Protein backbone atom coordinates (compact mmCIF):
# COMPACT_ATOMS: atom_id res chain seq x y z
CA MET A 1 60.84 -11.67 51.34
CA GLU A 2 57.94 -12.95 49.23
CA ALA A 3 54.51 -11.46 49.51
CA SER A 4 51.80 -13.66 50.93
CA ALA A 5 49.01 -14.91 48.73
CA PRO A 6 45.76 -13.01 49.07
CA THR A 7 42.83 -14.68 50.79
CA PRO A 8 39.64 -14.95 48.72
CA SER A 9 37.91 -12.27 50.81
CA SER A 10 40.81 -9.80 50.65
CA PHE A 11 41.12 -10.32 46.91
CA ARG A 12 37.38 -9.72 46.42
CA VAL A 13 37.65 -6.47 48.37
CA ALA A 14 40.68 -5.36 46.34
CA LEU A 15 38.94 -6.37 43.10
CA GLY A 16 35.84 -4.40 44.07
CA ARG A 17 37.88 -1.31 44.86
CA GLN A 18 39.76 -1.61 41.58
CA ALA A 19 36.48 -1.97 39.69
CA LEU A 20 35.01 1.11 41.38
CA ALA A 21 38.17 3.07 40.57
CA HIS A 22 37.77 2.21 36.87
CA PRO A 23 33.98 2.10 36.30
CA LEU A 24 34.01 2.47 32.50
CA THR A 25 36.68 -0.20 32.02
CA SER A 26 34.86 -2.52 34.41
CA LEU A 27 31.59 -1.95 32.56
CA ALA A 28 33.31 -2.68 29.24
CA LEU A 29 34.76 -5.90 30.66
CA ALA A 30 31.35 -6.91 32.03
CA LEU A 31 29.72 -6.33 28.64
CA ALA A 32 32.48 -8.24 26.85
CA MET A 33 32.22 -11.16 29.27
CA LEU A 34 28.40 -11.14 28.96
CA ALA A 35 28.65 -11.25 25.18
CA ILE A 36 31.16 -14.11 25.38
CA ILE A 37 28.94 -16.07 27.78
CA VAL A 38 25.87 -15.60 25.54
CA LEU A 39 27.79 -16.69 22.45
CA MET A 40 29.27 -19.70 24.25
CA ILE A 41 25.88 -20.84 25.60
CA SER A 42 24.39 -20.55 22.12
CA SER A 43 27.17 -22.69 20.65
CA VAL A 44 27.66 -25.44 23.26
CA TRP A 45 25.25 -27.86 21.62
CA ASP A 46 26.70 -27.31 18.16
CA LEU A 47 30.23 -27.77 19.52
CA VAL A 48 29.24 -31.09 21.11
CA ARG A 49 27.66 -32.26 17.87
CA ALA A 50 30.49 -31.01 15.61
CA THR A 51 32.34 -34.31 15.36
CA GLY A 52 32.07 -35.04 11.64
CA ASP A 53 34.19 -32.23 10.25
CA GLY A 54 36.94 -32.58 12.85
CA MET A 55 37.31 -28.83 13.31
CA PRO A 56 37.16 -28.92 17.14
CA ALA A 57 39.98 -31.48 17.08
CA TRP A 58 41.99 -29.27 14.71
CA GLY A 59 41.44 -26.29 17.01
CA LEU A 60 42.60 -28.21 20.08
CA LEU A 61 45.62 -29.52 18.18
CA GLY A 62 46.43 -25.95 17.14
CA GLY A 63 46.25 -24.77 20.74
CA GLY A 64 48.45 -27.67 21.76
CA ALA A 65 50.97 -26.71 19.07
CA GLY A 66 51.21 -23.25 20.63
CA PHE A 67 51.89 -24.79 24.04
CA VAL A 68 54.55 -27.14 22.63
CA ALA A 69 56.26 -24.29 20.77
CA THR A 70 56.30 -22.12 23.90
CA SER A 71 57.79 -25.00 25.88
CA LEU A 72 60.46 -25.64 23.24
CA GLY A 73 61.48 -22.00 23.36
CA ALA A 74 61.54 -22.07 27.15
CA LEU A 75 63.91 -25.07 27.09
CA GLY A 76 66.45 -22.86 25.36
CA ALA A 77 66.95 -21.12 28.69
CA VAL A 78 68.51 -24.32 30.03
CA VAL A 79 71.28 -24.10 27.42
CA LEU A 80 71.84 -20.36 27.12
CA ARG A 81 73.58 -18.55 29.96
CA ARG A 82 72.12 -15.19 29.08
CA LEU A 83 70.28 -13.38 26.33
CA SER A 84 71.11 -9.78 25.50
CA THR A 85 68.34 -7.20 25.67
CA LEU A 86 69.00 -6.52 21.99
CA ALA A 87 68.21 -10.14 21.13
CA GLU A 88 65.16 -10.17 23.42
CA ASP A 89 63.75 -6.97 21.91
CA SER A 90 64.39 -8.22 18.37
CA MET A 91 62.65 -11.54 19.08
CA LEU A 92 59.68 -9.84 20.72
CA GLY A 93 59.48 -7.45 17.76
CA PHE A 94 59.42 -10.48 15.45
CA ALA A 95 56.58 -11.98 17.53
CA ALA A 96 54.69 -8.66 17.41
CA GLY A 97 55.00 -8.54 13.62
CA MET A 98 53.58 -12.03 13.24
CA MET A 99 50.72 -11.21 15.61
CA LEU A 100 49.89 -8.03 13.68
CA ALA A 101 49.91 -9.85 10.35
CA ALA A 102 47.91 -12.76 11.77
CA SER A 103 45.31 -10.32 13.06
CA SER A 104 45.05 -8.72 9.62
CA PHE A 105 45.32 -11.63 7.18
CA SER A 106 43.97 -14.58 9.18
CA LEU A 107 41.35 -12.90 11.37
CA ILE A 108 40.10 -9.53 10.11
CA LEU A 109 40.02 -10.28 6.36
CA PRO A 110 38.23 -13.66 6.73
CA GLY A 111 35.90 -12.00 9.24
CA LEU A 112 35.01 -9.26 6.77
CA GLU A 113 34.39 -11.84 4.06
CA ALA A 114 32.19 -14.01 6.28
CA ALA A 115 30.26 -11.06 7.69
CA GLY A 116 29.71 -9.64 4.21
CA ARG A 117 28.20 -12.93 3.03
CA LEU A 118 25.94 -13.18 6.08
CA THR A 119 24.67 -9.61 6.05
CA GLY A 120 24.69 -9.05 2.30
CA ASN A 121 26.08 -5.57 2.90
CA ASP A 122 29.71 -4.45 3.07
CA TRP A 123 28.97 -1.74 5.64
CA LEU A 124 27.09 -4.09 7.95
CA GLY A 125 29.79 -6.70 7.50
CA ALA A 126 32.51 -4.24 8.46
CA LEU A 127 30.52 -3.05 11.48
CA THR A 128 30.08 -6.67 12.58
CA VAL A 129 33.84 -7.18 12.64
CA VAL A 130 34.33 -3.79 14.32
CA LEU A 131 31.94 -4.95 17.05
CA GLY A 132 34.14 -7.98 17.58
CA LEU A 133 37.28 -5.79 17.66
CA GLY A 134 35.70 -3.64 20.34
CA LEU A 135 34.70 -6.66 22.43
CA GLY A 136 38.22 -8.07 22.20
CA ALA A 137 39.81 -4.79 23.23
CA ALA A 138 37.32 -4.39 26.08
CA LEU A 139 38.03 -7.92 27.28
CA MET A 140 41.80 -7.41 27.40
CA MET A 141 41.52 -3.88 28.81
CA GLY A 142 39.33 -5.12 31.63
CA LEU A 143 41.59 -8.08 32.39
CA ASP A 144 44.63 -5.80 32.29
CA THR A 145 42.99 -3.40 34.74
CA LEU A 146 41.58 -5.91 37.21
CA THR A 147 43.95 -8.91 37.15
CA PRO A 148 47.06 -8.62 39.35
CA HIS A 149 50.14 -8.75 37.11
CA ALA A 150 53.24 -6.74 36.21
CA HIS A 151 54.89 -5.35 33.09
CA PRO A 152 58.59 -4.47 33.07
CA GLN A 153 57.87 -1.01 31.68
CA THR A 154 55.03 -0.08 34.08
CA GLY A 155 55.49 -2.27 37.14
CA PRO A 156 52.70 -3.95 39.16
CA CYS A 157 49.09 -3.25 38.24
CA GLY A 158 45.64 -4.74 38.67
CA ALA A 159 43.87 -5.69 41.88
CA ALA A 160 46.06 -6.30 44.97
CA PRO A 161 49.40 -6.68 43.12
CA GLU A 162 51.26 -6.15 46.39
CA ARG A 163 49.99 -9.52 47.59
CA LEU A 164 52.05 -11.43 45.03
CA ASN A 165 55.78 -11.40 44.38
CA ARG A 166 57.08 -9.90 41.13
CA VAL A 167 57.83 -13.26 39.51
CA TRP A 168 54.22 -14.44 39.78
CA LEU A 169 53.00 -11.04 38.62
CA PHE A 170 55.19 -11.38 35.53
CA VAL A 171 53.93 -14.93 34.90
CA MET A 172 50.36 -13.64 35.14
CA ALA A 173 51.13 -10.97 32.53
CA ILE A 174 52.48 -13.55 30.08
CA THR A 175 49.53 -15.85 30.75
CA LEU A 176 47.13 -13.03 29.86
CA HIS A 177 49.22 -12.40 26.75
CA ASN A 178 48.73 -15.99 25.55
CA LEU A 179 44.94 -15.97 25.98
CA PRO A 180 44.10 -14.08 22.75
CA GLU A 181 46.56 -16.23 20.79
CA GLY A 182 44.72 -19.38 21.86
CA MET A 183 41.35 -17.77 21.17
CA ALA A 184 42.54 -16.81 17.68
CA ILE A 185 43.53 -20.42 16.95
CA GLY A 186 40.16 -21.77 18.10
CA VAL A 187 38.15 -19.18 16.18
CA SER A 188 40.21 -19.67 13.01
CA PHE A 189 39.23 -23.35 12.84
CA ALA A 190 35.61 -22.84 13.91
CA GLY A 191 34.55 -21.76 10.43
CA GLY A 192 35.61 -25.10 8.96
CA ASP A 193 38.29 -23.60 6.69
CA LEU A 194 41.79 -25.03 7.08
CA GLY A 195 43.02 -22.24 4.81
CA VAL A 196 42.28 -19.82 7.67
CA GLY A 197 43.34 -22.01 10.60
CA LEU A 198 46.62 -23.50 9.37
CA PRO A 199 48.45 -20.26 8.48
CA LEU A 200 47.41 -18.60 11.72
CA THR A 201 48.33 -21.59 13.87
CA SER A 202 51.69 -21.90 12.09
CA ALA A 203 52.43 -18.22 12.67
CA ILE A 204 51.51 -18.32 16.35
CA ALA A 205 53.55 -21.50 16.91
CA ILE A 206 56.60 -19.99 15.17
CA GLN A 207 56.50 -16.77 17.18
CA ASP A 208 55.85 -18.72 20.41
CA ILE A 209 59.36 -20.23 20.23
CA PRO A 210 61.35 -16.97 20.61
CA GLU A 211 58.64 -15.67 22.92
CA GLY A 212 58.99 -18.66 25.23
CA LEU A 213 62.77 -18.23 25.27
CA ALA A 214 62.49 -14.51 26.06
CA VAL A 215 60.07 -15.19 28.92
CA ALA A 216 62.28 -17.93 30.41
CA MET A 217 65.37 -15.70 30.22
CA ALA A 218 63.48 -12.83 31.84
CA LEU A 219 62.48 -15.14 34.69
CA ARG A 220 66.11 -16.22 35.07
CA SER A 221 67.20 -12.59 35.27
CA ALA A 222 64.62 -12.12 38.04
CA GLY A 223 66.48 -14.69 40.14
CA ILE A 224 64.54 -17.85 39.27
CA GLY A 225 66.52 -21.08 38.85
CA VAL A 226 67.21 -22.41 35.36
CA PHE A 227 64.82 -25.35 35.34
CA LYS A 228 62.08 -23.57 37.29
CA ALA A 229 62.25 -20.63 34.87
CA ALA A 230 61.92 -22.98 31.88
CA LEU A 231 59.02 -24.81 33.56
CA LEU A 232 57.15 -21.60 34.40
CA ALA A 233 57.68 -20.14 30.94
CA GLY A 234 56.46 -23.34 29.31
CA ALA A 235 53.45 -23.50 31.63
CA THR A 236 52.27 -20.07 30.46
CA GLY A 237 51.66 -21.73 27.08
CA LEU A 238 48.87 -23.82 28.64
CA MET A 239 46.66 -20.77 28.16
CA GLU A 240 46.77 -21.40 24.40
CA PRO A 241 44.85 -24.73 24.31
CA ALA A 242 42.52 -23.27 26.95
CA GLY A 243 42.01 -20.18 24.81
CA ALA A 244 41.47 -22.39 21.75
CA LEU A 245 38.57 -24.06 23.58
CA VAL A 246 37.07 -20.63 24.25
CA GLY A 247 37.55 -19.63 20.61
CA LEU A 248 35.87 -22.81 19.35
CA GLY A 249 32.97 -22.30 21.72
CA LEU A 250 32.58 -18.68 20.70
CA SER A 251 32.24 -19.35 16.99
CA SER A 252 30.68 -22.79 16.58
CA GLY A 253 27.03 -21.86 17.11
CA LEU A 254 25.30 -18.79 15.68
CA ALA A 255 26.46 -18.00 12.15
CA ILE A 256 27.12 -14.37 13.04
CA ALA A 257 29.30 -15.51 15.95
CA TYR A 258 32.05 -16.58 13.54
CA PRO A 259 32.93 -13.11 12.15
CA VAL A 260 32.32 -11.54 15.56
CA GLY A 261 34.65 -14.12 17.11
CA LEU A 262 37.33 -13.46 14.49
CA GLY A 263 37.07 -9.74 15.23
CA LEU A 264 37.18 -10.38 18.98
CA ALA A 265 40.37 -12.45 18.73
CA ALA A 266 41.93 -9.83 16.44
CA GLY A 267 41.00 -7.01 18.81
CA ALA A 268 42.48 -8.86 21.77
CA MET A 269 45.73 -9.54 19.88
CA LEU A 270 46.02 -5.96 18.63
CA PHE A 271 45.52 -4.68 22.18
CA VAL A 272 48.28 -6.94 23.50
CA VAL A 273 50.71 -5.95 20.73
CA SER A 274 50.17 -2.21 21.17
CA HIS A 275 49.76 -2.16 24.95
CA GLU A 276 52.46 -4.61 25.97
CA VAL A 277 54.78 -6.05 23.32
CA ILE A 278 55.81 -2.97 21.32
CA PRO A 279 56.36 -0.73 24.39
CA GLU A 280 58.49 -3.49 25.92
CA THR A 281 60.68 -3.73 22.79
CA HIS A 282 61.26 0.04 22.76
CA ARG A 283 62.15 0.68 26.39
CA ASN A 284 65.84 -0.33 26.12
CA GLY A 285 66.80 1.86 23.17
CA HIS A 286 66.58 -0.95 20.60
CA GLN A 287 63.75 0.53 18.56
CA THR A 288 65.40 -0.06 15.17
CA PRO A 289 66.24 -3.79 15.65
CA ALA A 290 62.80 -4.33 17.19
CA THR A 291 61.11 -2.61 14.26
CA LEU A 292 63.13 -4.63 11.76
CA GLY A 293 62.15 -7.78 13.66
CA LEU A 294 58.51 -6.68 13.51
CA MET A 295 58.72 -6.19 9.74
CA LEU A 296 60.41 -9.58 9.29
CA GLY A 297 57.70 -11.27 11.33
CA PHE A 298 54.96 -9.46 9.40
CA ALA A 299 56.52 -10.49 6.07
CA LEU A 300 56.91 -14.14 7.14
CA MET A 301 53.27 -14.30 8.23
CA MET A 302 52.19 -12.76 4.92
CA VAL A 303 54.12 -15.48 3.05
CA LEU A 304 52.65 -18.24 5.24
CA ASP A 305 49.14 -16.95 4.69
CA THR A 306 49.71 -16.85 0.93
CA VAL A 307 51.26 -20.31 0.71
CA LEU A 308 49.05 -22.13 3.21
CA GLY A 309 45.87 -20.11 2.80
């Protein structure tokens, strides 16, 4: 029997209780959201005017590429009858490796370089990126604590998870997972350097294919029909173009917003990898294949960044 959807009032009550139960996390989320809103307001006019260099268009195309890649992977569930947990864990490990390398090579390093130029001091530049890392971690920690969703290794969590069935909770978890990827794509193009945006977008699109397949197969194993599972898994990729819009807005105004935005996207991705992806790949006893997949993904991203950067 499926759980009924929460009414707006009941969800607000549950959200308030969850926030009171986790005051520090809620405060961190509030500060992260406030910082994001301030940065976005400061950059709206510049984003509207930024038509000559084509970077907003590149960012949106990059987010769309992530959605298409996720959908292509999800379509594989129509053909495959089943996917072993070994294959799933290996593919998710591969995706984690590419996300880790993308955070390092395509977000943190360009952020350090940009912040160093702006501040004229290596220490201040590093602290600027660290600020962004903290904001990204706070954003994802707050969303993880307050948004109703479910992870296979921990079960339902967030506000009022009992009001939704496990399939929708799982879809919510994957949707949250895709948000920092989209933000990273948008931020990477906001600085006007294709050498930063193209490698990162390529990496995210490549790892979205096995990720989309793994999500669709997990939905099938939860009892969802073949085509509905593929549709739901593909739809989670819509968060990537949406996140790309957020990333472009974050980093297209104040000069200092660019390195902070790169750090924020990196912090959000690192949080997702450590908090969700790696624990999931290790819970079935496939640590070694998952780790080898992670190393392969990291190496591939390093090559892409060198060739395309």
